[in-house]
Amino acid sequence: MIELLVKVGNKRKWYTASWLEGGTVRMIDQRLLPFKFKVVSLRKHYETAEAIKNMTIRGAGSIGAAAAFACAQAVLECKSKEWPKKALQSFDRIANTRPTARDLFFAIERIRNVVEGKQLREAKKAALEEAQKIGKEYQENGKRIGELGSKLIKSGFRILTHCNAGWLALHDWGSALAPIYFAKRLHRKVFVFVDETRPRLQGAKLTAWELANENIEHAIIADNSAGFYMQNQSIDMCIVGADRIASNGDVANKIGTYEKAVLAKENGIAFYVAAPLSTFDFDCKSGRRIPIEERSEQEVLYVSGYEKGLRKVRIAPKKSKAKNPAFDVTPAKYIKALITEHGIIKPKKSAIKKLAKKCKKVPK
């Protein structure tokens, strides 16, 4: 059963972050949450690619699933005389949407591999089946991460999160939030400190919305107040997701994650990263090699909110400029462990190499 139970109006319904119906991608528009719940319909691959780029959908796993769906759409759109050149060009277009999330490239590679060398009719069938399979795997992997990660959570724990790594971010269940959701189902009491996560406010808008739907007690905090709560012994553990994990255990995640990890280390608080195998880049030797996306300065200079409708307002002087790196890299030394669907491992080369070998993912 899909775990994203959302209250829309007076009704509650099951959803994933996105899904594929025939050749149409249905997707929850995360840009409108928590003020408005809307499912958009994307009938062409370039529409789905644009939805990834403009953050209609976000979160590494959900980006991966959406990329798989977009690739399937690209194959379905091809005519015999265009095959396979047009599809491969479309795959490149999808790959150019978001540079940091490893899951995007993981999904594209999966679809590319199953259609390679096939006639168009067979390729269309294979692409659709593989895309649906990828989506289902994200659901299963998120649930498994929840099962394993929940063993780290004792009743009464106060947990800090950063950005959103829940239902919306991993297609279903989530990564960082999955252990919390699973602990809740085991009747353990938890309290979540939700970093607001500037500048897009994924914590304040998305994580808080998910936790409210799950009836989990939480409080949104300003990003720069996390150290205050750590210093005052109000936080028992930290769990975040990841957009890419290097083979040495370095982790790229939403900007601000590095600061939280350093603070946690200084205050003796365990800092965990939850992510599926698809987020690991076994060919990336360290975090220094992870490409960091630089997004528009408009995200920093403006904020959006709800007052008699959705509004966007400028919060900085008109002459001011801004810089906006979307991610930072947390060195492995600040991470207690990595929570994966295959087990909880140390963020070390040896452990990650063993994981790669176990899962038959051989680095190039």
Protein backbone atom coordinates (compact mmCIF):
# COMPACT_ATOMS: atom_id res chain seq x y z
CA MET A 1 0.00 0.00 0.00
CA ILE A 2 1.28 3.48 -0.83
CA GLU A 3 2.17 5.32 2.36
CA LEU A 4 1.45 8.90 1.30
CA LEU A 5 -1.96 9.50 2.82
CA VAL A 6 -2.92 13.10 2.18
CA LYS A 7 -5.92 15.04 3.39
CA VAL A 8 -7.31 17.14 0.54
CA GLY A 9 -10.43 19.01 1.57
CA ASN A 10 -12.54 16.57 3.57
CA LYS A 11 -11.09 13.47 1.93
CA ARG A 12 -7.95 11.43 2.45
CA LYS A 13 -6.32 9.68 -0.47
CA TRP A 14 -3.16 7.69 -1.22
CA TYR A 15 -0.51 9.32 -3.41
CA THR A 16 3.09 9.00 -4.54
CA ALA A 17 5.11 12.07 -5.51
CA SER A 18 4.59 11.16 -9.18
CA TRP A 19 3.27 8.27 -11.20
CA LEU A 20 2.95 7.15 -14.80
CA GLU A 21 -0.42 6.52 -16.43
CA GLY A 22 0.09 5.30 -19.98
CA GLY A 23 2.26 8.02 -21.47
CA THR A 24 1.23 10.74 -19.02
CA VAL A 25 3.09 11.63 -15.85
CA ARG A 26 0.95 12.76 -12.90
CA MET A 27 2.84 14.74 -10.30
CA ILE A 28 2.15 16.58 -7.05
CA ASP A 29 3.17 20.20 -7.56
CA GLN A 30 5.48 20.73 -4.58
CA ARG A 31 5.87 24.45 -5.35
CA LEU A 32 2.32 25.07 -4.11
CA LEU A 33 2.54 23.14 -0.85
CA PRO A 34 1.51 23.49 1.93
CA PHE A 35 -1.03 26.07 0.84
CA LYS A 36 -2.51 24.27 -2.14
CA PHE A 37 -2.58 20.62 -3.19
CA LYS A 38 -2.53 20.13 -6.94
CA VAL A 39 -1.68 17.24 -9.25
CA VAL A 40 -0.34 18.29 -12.65
CA SER A 41 -0.50 16.20 -15.82
CA LEU A 42 2.58 16.12 -18.05
CA ARG A 43 2.04 14.52 -21.45
CA LYS A 44 5.42 15.07 -23.07
CA HIS A 45 8.92 14.25 -21.90
CA TYR A 46 10.06 17.86 -22.12
CA GLU A 47 7.22 18.88 -19.79
CA THR A 48 8.38 16.34 -17.22
CA ALA A 49 11.98 17.46 -17.69
CA GLU A 50 10.96 21.07 -17.07
CA ALA A 51 9.06 19.98 -13.93
CA ILE A 52 12.30 18.48 -12.61
CA LYS A 53 14.25 21.62 -13.47
CA ASN A 54 11.78 24.13 -12.00
CA MET A 55 11.32 22.06 -8.83
CA THR A 56 7.69 21.09 -9.35
CA ILE A 57 9.16 17.83 -8.10
CA ARG A 58 12.24 17.62 -5.91
CA GLY A 59 14.14 15.22 -3.70
CA ALA A 60 16.73 12.82 -5.10
CA GLY A 61 14.56 9.70 -5.31
CA SER A 62 11.53 11.50 -6.68
CA ILE A 63 13.76 13.19 -9.26
CA GLY A 64 15.02 9.73 -10.20
CA ALA A 65 11.54 8.29 -10.63
CA ALA A 66 10.39 11.34 -12.61
CA ALA A 67 13.47 11.08 -14.84
CA ALA A 68 12.65 7.43 -15.54
CA PHE A 69 9.10 8.42 -16.46
CA ALA A 70 10.38 11.23 -18.69
CA CYS A 71 12.72 8.83 -20.48
CA ALA A 72 9.85 6.40 -21.04
CA GLN A 73 7.80 9.26 -22.48
CA ALA A 74 10.67 10.17 -24.81
CA VAL A 75 10.78 6.63 -26.18
CA LEU A 76 6.99 6.54 -26.61
CA GLU A 77 7.11 9.81 -28.57
CA CYS A 78 9.56 8.45 -31.12
CA LYS A 79 8.64 7.39 -34.64
CA SER A 80 10.48 4.64 -36.48
CA LYS A 81 12.59 6.96 -38.62
CA GLU A 82 13.66 8.92 -35.52
CA TRP A 83 14.66 5.92 -33.45
CA PRO A 84 16.97 5.83 -31.52
CA LYS A 85 18.66 9.20 -32.21
CA LYS A 86 15.78 11.38 -31.01
CA ALA A 87 15.33 9.39 -27.82
CA LEU A 88 19.02 9.65 -26.95
CA GLN A 89 18.89 13.41 -27.50
CA SER A 90 15.90 13.57 -25.19
CA PHE A 91 17.77 11.56 -22.53
CA ASP A 92 20.53 14.18 -22.67
CA ARG A 93 17.94 16.96 -22.24
CA ILE A 94 16.59 15.23 -19.13
CA ALA A 95 20.12 14.73 -17.78
CA ASN A 96 20.81 18.46 -18.02
CA THR A 97 17.98 19.44 -15.66
CA ARG A 98 19.67 19.00 -12.23
CA PRO A 99 23.42 18.22 -11.98
CA THR A 100 23.87 17.12 -8.36
CA ALA A 101 21.30 14.37 -7.71
CA ARG A 102 22.84 11.00 -8.60
CA ASP A 103 19.41 9.36 -8.84
CA LEU A 104 18.62 11.39 -11.97
CA PHE A 105 21.51 9.78 -13.84
CA PHE A 106 20.88 6.38 -12.27
CA ALA A 107 17.35 6.35 -13.71
CA ILE A 108 18.38 7.58 -17.15
CA GLU A 109 21.09 4.90 -17.33
CA ARG A 110 18.57 2.22 -16.40
CA ILE A 111 16.17 3.22 -19.19
CA ARG A 112 19.00 3.66 -21.70
CA ASN A 113 20.30 0.17 -20.94
CA VAL A 114 16.95 -1.58 -21.40
CA VAL A 115 16.15 0.07 -24.75
CA GLU A 116 19.62 -0.15 -26.26
CA GLY A 117 19.75 -2.31 -29.38
CA LYS A 118 15.98 -2.93 -29.47
CA GLN A 119 13.51 -2.20 -32.21
CA LEU A 120 11.20 0.69 -31.40
CA ARG A 121 8.10 -1.34 -30.57
CA GLU A 122 10.04 -3.55 -28.17
CA ALA A 123 11.86 -0.52 -26.75
CA LYS A 124 8.61 1.26 -25.88
CA LYS A 125 7.39 -1.74 -23.92
CA ALA A 126 10.74 -2.14 -22.16
CA ALA A 127 10.98 1.56 -21.25
CA LEU A 128 7.51 1.64 -19.73
CA GLU A 129 8.10 -1.53 -17.72
CA GLU A 130 11.50 -0.36 -16.46
CA ALA A 131 10.19 3.08 -15.47
CA GLN A 132 7.38 1.51 -13.44
CA LYS A 133 9.88 -0.90 -11.90
CA ILE A 134 12.14 1.97 -10.83
CA GLY A 135 9.21 3.74 -9.18
CA LYS A 136 8.24 0.59 -7.31
CA GLU A 137 11.82 0.02 -6.17
CA TYR A 138 11.94 3.49 -4.63
CA GLN A 139 8.81 2.66 -2.66
CA GLU A 140 10.25 -0.64 -1.44
CA ASN A 141 13.68 0.81 -0.66
CA GLY A 142 12.20 3.70 1.30
CA LYS A 143 10.18 1.30 3.40
CA ARG A 144 13.24 -0.85 4.07
CA ILE A 145 15.26 2.22 5.08
CA GLY A 146 12.43 3.03 7.47
CA GLU A 147 12.49 -0.45 8.99
CA LEU A 148 16.24 -0.47 9.51
CA GLY A 149 16.59 3.15 10.56
CA SER A 150 13.79 2.94 13.11
CA LYS A 151 15.98 0.65 15.19
CA LEU A 152 18.15 3.68 15.96
CA ILE A 153 15.20 5.67 17.35
CA LYS A 154 14.18 5.24 20.96
CA SER A 155 10.83 6.40 22.27
CA GLY A 156 11.12 9.98 23.42
CA PHE A 157 13.86 10.89 20.96
CA ARG A 158 14.09 14.46 19.68
CA ILE A 159 15.32 14.41 16.10
CA LEU A 160 16.65 17.19 13.89
CA THR A 161 16.06 17.10 10.12
CA HIS A 162 17.26 19.38 7.34
CA CYS A 163 15.48 19.94 4.02
CA ASN A 164 12.83 17.38 3.04
CA ALA A 165 13.56 13.70 2.62
CA GLY A 166 10.11 12.25 3.15
CA TRP A 167 7.24 10.95 1.00
CA LEU A 168 7.62 13.78 -1.47
CA ALA A 169 11.37 13.37 -1.87
CA LEU A 170 11.77 9.61 -2.33
CA HIS A 171 8.67 8.84 -4.35
CA ASP A 172 7.12 7.17 -1.31
CA TRP A 173 7.99 6.62 2.38
CA GLY A 174 11.12 8.74 2.12
CA SER A 175 14.72 8.36 3.24
CA ALA A 176 15.51 10.53 6.28
CA LEU A 177 11.89 10.67 7.41
CA ALA A 178 11.16 6.99 6.75
CA PRO A 179 12.71 5.81 10.07
CA ILE A 180 10.62 8.44 11.87
CA TYR A 181 7.44 7.31 10.14
CA PHE A 182 8.26 3.69 10.93
CA ALA A 183 9.01 4.51 14.58
CA LYS A 184 5.61 6.21 14.77
CA ARG A 185 3.95 3.05 13.46
CA LEU A 186 5.77 1.14 16.20
CA HIS A 187 4.11 3.51 18.70
CA ARG A 188 7.34 5.24 19.70
CA LYS A 189 6.98 8.86 20.68
CA VAL A 190 9.21 11.21 18.71
CA PHE A 191 9.56 14.95 18.36
CA VAL A 192 11.06 16.49 15.23
CA PHE A 193 12.96 19.76 14.97
CA VAL A 194 12.33 20.86 11.38
CA ASP A 195 14.99 23.16 9.93
CA GLU A 196 13.21 25.73 7.76
CA THR A 197 15.88 25.15 5.06
CA ARG A 198 16.44 28.45 3.34
CA PRO A 199 16.09 29.58 0.64
CA ARG A 200 13.36 27.29 -0.75
CA LEU A 201 12.04 26.43 2.73
CA GLN A 202 11.60 22.73 2.00
CA GLY A 203 11.58 22.01 5.73
CA ALA A 204 9.03 24.64 6.70
CA LYS A 205 6.79 23.95 3.73
CA LEU A 206 7.18 20.26 2.90
CA THR A 207 8.61 18.35 5.87
CA ALA A 208 6.28 20.12 8.30
CA TRP A 209 3.33 19.40 6.00
CA GLU A 210 4.20 15.71 5.86
CA LEU A 211 4.68 15.45 9.62
CA ALA A 212 1.35 17.18 10.19
CA ASN A 213 -0.32 14.63 7.90
CA GLU A 214 1.30 11.88 9.98
CA ASN A 215 0.28 13.52 13.28
CA ILE A 216 3.90 13.60 14.42
CA GLU A 217 4.77 16.29 16.94
CA HIS A 218 7.22 18.80 15.50
CA ALA A 219 8.39 22.41 15.48
CA ILE A 220 9.83 24.46 12.65
CA ILE A 221 13.04 26.23 13.62
CA ALA A 222 15.17 28.84 11.87
CA ASP A 223 18.22 27.25 10.26
CA ASN A 224 20.61 29.22 12.45
CA SER A 225 18.98 28.08 15.71
CA ALA A 226 19.92 24.39 15.40
CA GLY A 227 23.17 24.98 17.30
CA PHE A 228 21.24 26.54 20.18
CA TYR A 229 19.11 23.42 20.63
CA MET A 230 22.10 21.11 20.28
CA GLN A 231 24.09 23.07 22.84
CA ASN A 232 21.17 22.94 25.25
CA GLN A 233 20.89 19.16 24.88
CA SER A 234 17.47 19.33 23.25
CA ILE A 235 18.39 17.09 20.29
CA ASP A 236 19.17 13.37 20.52
CA MET A 237 20.04 12.62 16.89
CA CYS A 238 20.08 14.09 13.39
CA ILE A 239 18.88 12.38 10.22
CA VAL A 240 19.17 13.86 6.73
CA GLY A 241 18.86 12.55 3.21
CA ALA A 242 21.38 12.81 0.38
CA ASP A 243 21.58 13.81 -3.25
CA ARG A 244 24.85 12.04 -3.95
CA ILE A 245 27.22 9.92 -1.86
CA ALA A 246 30.84 9.54 -2.96
CA SER A 247 32.74 6.27 -2.64
CA ASN A 248 34.68 7.60 0.37
CA GLY A 249 31.48 8.41 2.30
CA ASP A 250 31.33 12.15 1.64
CA VAL A 251 27.72 13.29 1.17
CA ALA A 252 26.18 16.06 -0.91
CA ASN A 253 22.87 17.26 0.46
CA LYS A 254 20.86 20.49 0.67
CA ILE A 255 22.87 23.59 1.50
CA GLY A 256 23.25 23.92 5.26
CA THR A 257 23.71 20.20 5.91
CA TYR A 258 27.47 20.57 6.42
CA GLU A 259 26.94 23.17 9.14
CA LYS A 260 24.51 20.89 10.99
CA ALA A 261 26.93 17.97 10.81
CA VAL A 262 29.80 20.01 12.23
CA LEU A 263 27.58 21.30 15.05
CA ALA A 264 26.37 17.77 15.81
CA LYS A 265 29.96 16.48 16.00
CA GLU A 266 30.95 19.34 18.31
CA ASN A 267 28.02 18.56 20.62
CA GLY A 268 28.38 14.78 20.61
CA ILE A 269 25.16 14.13 18.67
CA ALA A 270 24.93 11.25 16.20
CA PHE A 271 24.48 12.47 12.62
CA TYR A 272 22.95 9.94 10.19
CA VAL A 273 22.42 10.05 6.44
CA ALA A 274 19.63 7.94 4.94
CA ALA A 275 19.68 7.11 1.24
CA PRO A 276 19.05 4.21 -1.16
CA LEU A 277 21.79 2.53 -3.18
CA SER A 278 20.76 4.59 -6.24
CA THR A 279 22.14 7.72 -4.55
CA PHE A 280 25.67 6.28 -4.27
CA ASP A 281 28.12 7.34 -6.96
CA PHE A 282 30.67 4.54 -6.76
CA ASP A 283 32.83 6.17 -9.44
CA CYS A 284 33.08 9.47 -7.54
CA LYS A 285 36.15 9.25 -5.30
CA SER A 286 35.31 12.12 -2.95
CA GLY A 287 32.88 14.93 -2.29
CA ARG A 288 35.24 17.36 -4.00
CA ARG A 289 34.24 15.80 -7.32
CA ILE A 290 30.50 16.20 -6.84
CA PRO A 291 29.04 18.92 -9.09
CA ILE A 292 27.20 21.54 -7.05
CA GLU A 293 24.19 23.19 -8.62
CA GLU A 294 24.06 26.98 -8.47
CA ARG A 295 20.46 28.15 -8.62
CA SER A 296 18.92 31.53 -9.38
CA GLU A 297 19.64 34.42 -6.99
CA GLN A 298 15.90 35.12 -7.09
CA GLU A 299 15.36 32.27 -4.63
CA VAL A 300 17.41 34.17 -2.04
CA LEU A 301 16.18 37.68 -2.81
CA TYR A 302 12.48 36.74 -2.74
CA VAL A 303 10.21 34.57 -0.58
CA SER A 304 6.81 33.17 -1.37
CA GLY A 305 3.97 32.73 1.10
CA TYR A 306 0.24 32.80 1.48
CA GLU A 307 -1.83 35.84 2.33
CA LYS A 308 -5.14 36.03 0.49
CA GLY A 309 -3.52 33.83 -2.13
CA LEU A 310 0.03 32.83 -3.02
CA ARG A 311 2.38 35.81 -3.11
CA LYS A 312 6.04 36.38 -3.89
CA VAL A 313 7.79 39.35 -2.23
CA ARG A 314 11.30 40.75 -2.33
CA ILE A 315 13.14 40.81 1.01
CA ALA A 316 16.44 42.43 -0.03
CA PRO A 317 17.47 45.84 -1.38
CA LYS A 318 16.88 46.24 -5.12
CA LYS A 319 20.56 46.86 -5.78
CA SER A 320 21.72 43.78 -3.89
CA LYS A 321 22.85 40.57 -5.59
CA ALA A 322 22.88 37.08 -4.13
CA LYS A 323 24.67 33.74 -4.46
CA ASN A 324 22.72 30.52 -4.21
CA PRO A 325 24.53 27.16 -4.09
CA ALA A 326 21.81 24.53 -3.76
CA PHE A 327 23.97 21.89 -2.03
CA ASP A 328 27.06 21.47 0.10
CA VAL A 329 29.27 18.49 0.90
CA THR A 330 29.55 16.93 4.35
CA PRO A 331 32.84 15.03 4.83
CA ALA A 332 32.48 11.45 5.99
CA LYS A 333 34.22 12.18 9.31
CA TYR A 334 31.13 14.03 10.54
CA ILE A 335 28.72 11.18 9.74
CA LYS A 336 27.93 8.43 12.24
CA ALA A 337 26.49 6.01 9.68
CA LEU A 338 24.70 5.67 6.36
CA ILE A 339 21.23 4.10 6.48
CA THR A 340 20.54 2.16 3.27
CA GLU A 341 18.01 -0.45 2.22
CA HIS A 342 20.84 -3.01 2.42
CA GLY A 343 21.85 -2.17 5.95
CA ILE A 344 23.40 0.51 8.15
CA ILE A 345 27.05 1.01 7.24
CA LYS A 346 29.97 3.22 8.22
CA PRO A 347 30.78 6.06 5.81
CA LYS A 348 34.10 4.47 4.87
CA LYS A 349 35.63 3.37 1.58
CA SER A 350 35.87 -0.24 2.72
CA ALA A 351 32.21 -0.44 3.80
CA ILE A 352 30.95 1.28 0.64
CA LYS A 353 33.15 -0.95 -1.55
CA LYS A 354 31.71 -4.00 0.21
CA LEU A 355 28.19 -2.65 -0.37
CA ALA A 356 28.94 -2.09 -4.07
CA LYS A 357 30.29 -5.60 -4.42
CA LYS A 358 27.31 -7.09 -2.59
CA CYS A 359 24.92 -5.30 -4.90
CA LYS A 360 27.07 -6.05 -7.99
CA LYS A 361 27.70 -2.36 -8.64
CA VAL A 362 31.31 -2.38 -9.79
CA PRO A 363 33.02 1.04 -10.01
CA LYS A 364 34.49 1.90 -13.41
